[in-house]
Amino acid sequence: MARAVWLALCLIAALRPALAFTQDTTRAGPQPDAATRPVRTDAWRPLRVAKWATLGTAILSVGYGFAASLAADTRYDRIEAACAAADARCERRSASGAYADAQLQRLHDEAQRLDGRARLALLAGQVAAAASVLLFILDLQENPAPPNVPYEPPRIRLAPSTDGGARLTVRVPVP
């Protein structure tokens, strides 16, 4: 149940920007046409969705790997506690090296399985983080030049002069 709630919250957080830009068509009055409608610069491009999706995948994968590693450590700690309490349970092994005690062997198998999952999840998280960094860098190249903003100097300017006095400059526009 907690996973479903967590997934729903992540989905709502991911879709929140898209939902904020939806246009309310139920209002009365004229709707802006395509020529007067403001242009959205933050459209949902595939590259933008992919970079955030890989970042989310990286975070979730690393979180799962960390949780699996902690669970495996707990199993190993339980094995060590059982061996410290009764050395005879750990000394008896079969010819293949498995514990003779079924409970200890089950804990060992679970710990090995969880360690494998943690290793795979952490590796997947690293690959997803690297892919996300690459996609963020590629997305920076979308608009390499800044917008052209013309410079409008002030009409009246008072500044120090080169000879130690004051310099008053007045700009008069010519039609």
Protein backbone atom coordinates (compact mmCIF):
# COMPACT_ATOMS: atom_id res chain seq x y z
CA MET A 1 0.00 0.00 0.00
CA ALA A 2 2.82 2.39 0.87
CA ARG A 3 4.44 1.79 -2.51
CA ALA A 4 1.20 2.66 -4.30
CA VAL A 5 0.87 5.91 -2.33
CA TRP A 6 4.53 6.75 -3.02
CA LEU A 7 4.08 6.06 -6.73
CA ALA A 8 0.93 8.20 -6.87
CA LEU A 9 2.70 11.11 -5.16
CA CYS A 10 5.64 10.86 -7.57
CA LEU A 11 3.26 10.80 -10.54
CA ILE A 12 1.37 13.86 -9.29
CA ALA A 13 4.64 15.72 -8.68
CA ALA A 14 5.86 14.86 -12.17
CA LEU A 15 2.62 15.93 -13.86
CA ARG A 16 2.11 19.10 -11.80
CA PRO A 17 3.87 21.46 -14.26
CA ALA A 18 1.89 20.04 -17.17
CA LEU A 19 -1.38 20.39 -15.31
CA ALA A 20 -0.60 24.00 -14.38
CA PHE A 21 -0.44 25.02 -18.05
CA THR A 22 -3.68 23.45 -19.15
CA GLN A 23 -6.13 25.97 -20.56
CA ASP A 24 -9.55 26.32 -19.02
CA THR A 25 -11.97 26.16 -21.95
CA THR A 26 -15.11 26.32 -19.79
CA ARG A 27 -14.80 30.07 -19.19
CA ALA A 28 -17.20 32.37 -20.90
CA GLY A 29 -15.86 34.93 -23.32
CA PRO A 30 -13.53 34.86 -26.26
CA GLN A 31 -10.62 32.46 -26.24
CA PRO A 32 -7.27 33.72 -27.53
CA ASP A 33 -6.43 32.54 -31.00
CA ALA A 34 -3.08 31.07 -31.99
CA ALA A 35 -1.65 34.47 -32.96
CA THR A 36 -2.34 36.14 -29.60
CA ARG A 37 -1.78 33.13 -27.35
CA PRO A 38 1.49 33.38 -25.40
CA VAL A 39 4.17 31.00 -26.60
CA ARG A 40 5.27 28.41 -24.05
CA THR A 41 8.99 28.01 -23.90
CA ASP A 42 8.85 25.07 -21.53
CA ALA A 43 6.99 22.60 -23.72
CA TRP A 44 7.16 18.91 -22.95
CA ARG A 45 9.91 17.93 -25.35
CA PRO A 46 11.07 14.29 -25.35
CA LEU A 47 14.54 15.30 -24.20
CA ARG A 48 13.14 17.23 -21.25
CA VAL A 49 10.94 14.31 -20.19
CA ALA A 50 13.78 11.81 -20.64
CA LYS A 51 16.29 13.75 -18.54
CA TRP A 52 13.93 14.04 -15.59
CA ALA A 53 12.74 10.45 -15.97
CA THR A 54 16.31 9.13 -15.89
CA LEU A 55 17.09 11.30 -12.86
CA GLY A 56 14.04 9.90 -11.06
CA THR A 57 15.00 6.38 -12.08
CA ALA A 58 18.51 6.94 -10.73
CA ILE A 59 17.22 8.20 -7.39
CA LEU A 60 14.71 5.37 -7.00
CA SER A 61 17.23 2.74 -8.07
CA VAL A 62 19.88 3.94 -5.63
CA GLY A 63 17.26 4.11 -2.86
CA TYR A 64 16.18 0.53 -3.57
CA GLY A 65 19.80 -0.63 -3.71
CA PHE A 66 20.55 1.01 -0.39
CA ALA A 67 17.46 -0.57 1.21
CA ALA A 68 18.37 -4.02 -0.18
CA SER A 69 21.92 -3.64 1.11
CA LEU A 70 20.64 -2.76 4.59
CA ALA A 71 18.31 -5.77 4.52
CA ALA A 72 21.21 -8.04 3.53
CA ASP A 73 23.32 -6.60 6.35
CA THR A 74 20.50 -7.37 8.76
CA ARG A 75 20.51 -11.02 7.60
CA TYR A 76 24.28 -11.23 8.04
CA ASP A 77 23.99 -9.70 11.52
CA ARG A 78 21.40 -12.32 12.44
CA ILE A 79 23.74 -15.07 11.24
CA GLU A 80 26.60 -13.61 13.29
CA ALA A 81 24.38 -13.34 16.38
CA ALA A 82 23.26 -16.96 16.00
CA CYS A 83 26.86 -18.10 15.57
CA ALA A 84 27.97 -16.11 18.62
CA ALA A 85 25.21 -17.67 20.71
CA ALA A 86 25.96 -21.26 19.64
CA ASP A 87 29.24 -21.97 17.81
CA ALA A 88 28.16 -25.52 17.00
CA ARG A 89 25.37 -24.29 14.69
CA CYS A 90 27.89 -22.53 12.42
CA GLU A 91 30.70 -25.07 12.48
CA ARG A 92 28.64 -27.86 10.99
CA ARG A 93 28.66 -27.54 7.23
CA SER A 94 27.76 -29.86 4.39
CA ALA A 95 30.22 -31.01 1.73
CA SER A 96 29.14 -28.13 -0.55
CA GLY A 97 29.91 -25.53 2.16
CA ALA A 98 26.28 -24.83 3.06
CA TYR A 99 25.19 -24.52 6.67
CA ALA A 100 23.85 -27.71 8.17
CA ASP A 101 21.28 -25.65 10.07
CA ALA A 102 18.37 -24.91 7.70
CA GLN A 103 17.54 -21.57 9.33
CA LEU A 104 21.12 -20.27 8.98
CA GLN A 105 21.28 -21.47 5.38
CA ARG A 106 18.00 -19.72 4.61
CA LEU A 107 19.34 -16.47 6.13
CA HIS A 108 22.58 -16.85 4.16
CA ASP A 109 20.69 -17.44 0.90
CA GLU A 110 18.45 -14.41 1.53
CA ALA A 111 21.47 -12.24 2.29
CA GLN A 112 23.20 -13.37 -0.91
CA ARG A 113 20.07 -12.72 -2.96
CA LEU A 114 19.61 -9.25 -1.43
CA ASP A 115 23.28 -8.42 -1.96
CA GLY A 116 22.93 -9.32 -5.63
CA ARG A 117 19.84 -7.14 -5.96
CA ALA A 118 21.57 -4.25 -4.18
CA ARG A 119 24.61 -4.52 -6.45
CA LEU A 120 22.44 -4.55 -9.57
CA ALA A 121 20.25 -1.65 -8.36
CA LEU A 122 23.27 0.49 -7.43
CA LEU A 123 24.88 -0.20 -10.79
CA ALA A 124 21.62 0.69 -12.58
CA GLY A 125 21.42 3.87 -10.49
CA GLN A 126 24.92 4.88 -11.56
CA VAL A 127 24.15 4.24 -15.22
CA ALA A 128 20.87 6.19 -14.94
CA ALA A 129 22.64 9.10 -13.19
CA ALA A 130 25.28 9.23 -15.93
CA ALA A 131 22.58 9.13 -18.61
CA SER A 132 20.67 11.91 -16.83
CA VAL A 133 23.78 14.10 -16.68
CA LEU A 134 24.34 13.50 -20.39
CA LEU A 135 20.73 14.39 -21.20
CA PHE A 136 20.93 17.56 -19.08
CA ILE A 137 24.05 18.60 -21.00
CA LEU A 138 22.39 17.86 -24.34
CA ASP A 139 19.36 19.90 -23.31
CA LEU A 140 21.59 22.91 -22.63
CA GLN A 141 22.48 23.04 -26.32
CA GLU A 142 18.86 23.70 -27.31
CA ASN A 143 19.25 27.53 -27.22
CA PRO A 144 22.95 28.31 -27.47
CA ALA A 145 22.53 32.08 -28.06
CA PRO A 146 20.89 34.42 -25.54
CA PRO A 147 17.87 36.39 -26.67
CA ASN A 148 18.60 39.67 -28.43
CA VAL A 149 17.74 42.40 -25.93
CA PRO A 150 18.45 45.85 -27.35
CA TYR A 151 20.23 48.28 -25.05
CA GLU A 152 18.30 51.42 -24.19
CA PRO A 153 20.63 53.96 -22.56
CA PRO A 154 19.09 56.35 -20.05
CA ARG A 155 17.82 59.71 -21.39
CA ILE A 156 19.68 61.74 -18.79
CA ARG A 157 23.00 60.61 -17.41
CA LEU A 158 25.24 62.31 -14.86
CA ALA A 159 28.73 60.80 -14.61
CA PRO A 160 32.19 61.92 -13.50
CA SER A 161 34.25 63.55 -16.22
CA THR A 162 37.84 62.67 -17.14
CA ASP A 163 39.05 66.11 -16.03
CA GLY A 164 37.63 65.79 -12.50
CA GLY A 165 34.32 67.54 -13.10
CA ALA A 166 30.87 66.25 -13.78
CA ARG A 167 29.50 65.30 -17.18
CA LEU A 168 25.80 65.66 -17.98
CA THR A 169 24.55 63.76 -21.02
CA VAL A 170 21.04 64.22 -22.43
CA ARG A 171 19.74 61.88 -25.12
CA VAL A 172 16.98 63.18 -27.34
CA PRO A 173 15.22 60.72 -29.65
CA VAL A 174 14.85 61.88 -33.23
CA PRO A 175 11.70 60.70 -35.00
